């Protein structure tokens, strides 16, 4: 979990707003963040819309709500997620996405889904957030940014980078 914390803190330290979005309920996510001492690092926590399964990712609903709560246009947000549906939701909004390949074999699926960048550790995200946008893209991610606009918000699916060693993720 410390790698996810490092990424959240680097996002905050860089002056960006930080939010988490999830297909879980906001109350569950807030409780998890509180229990793990991470709630302080979030500007917004967005969970699934109650009784609206159609609003779950890959629907962009949670990203739209996070953008609104942060008062940051979606084009200035970057979603970091560990699933194809996270990347698909970001693509629908024309936002940027970083695919977090937290298991072997995910790199290809996330890249095929259209992630702008794929990383295998949240430390790469934390390191990149500490650098100017162009330098981060060229140096850490090895890509030239598609835009010179530096993202002003960092939106993460809370499951990306938060591992519970005592439980298997499916």
Foldseek 3Di string as FASTA:
>chain_A
DVLVVLLLVLLVVLQFAEEEEEQAQQVVVCVVCVVVVNNVSHLYYYYRDPPCNVCHFVALNRVVVVCVSRVHQQQLEEEEEADLRSLSNSVVSVHAYEHAPCDPPSVVVNVVSPHPAYDPTSNLSSVLSNDQPQCSCCPSRVHGDPDNRHRRYYYYHVVRHDDDVVDDDD
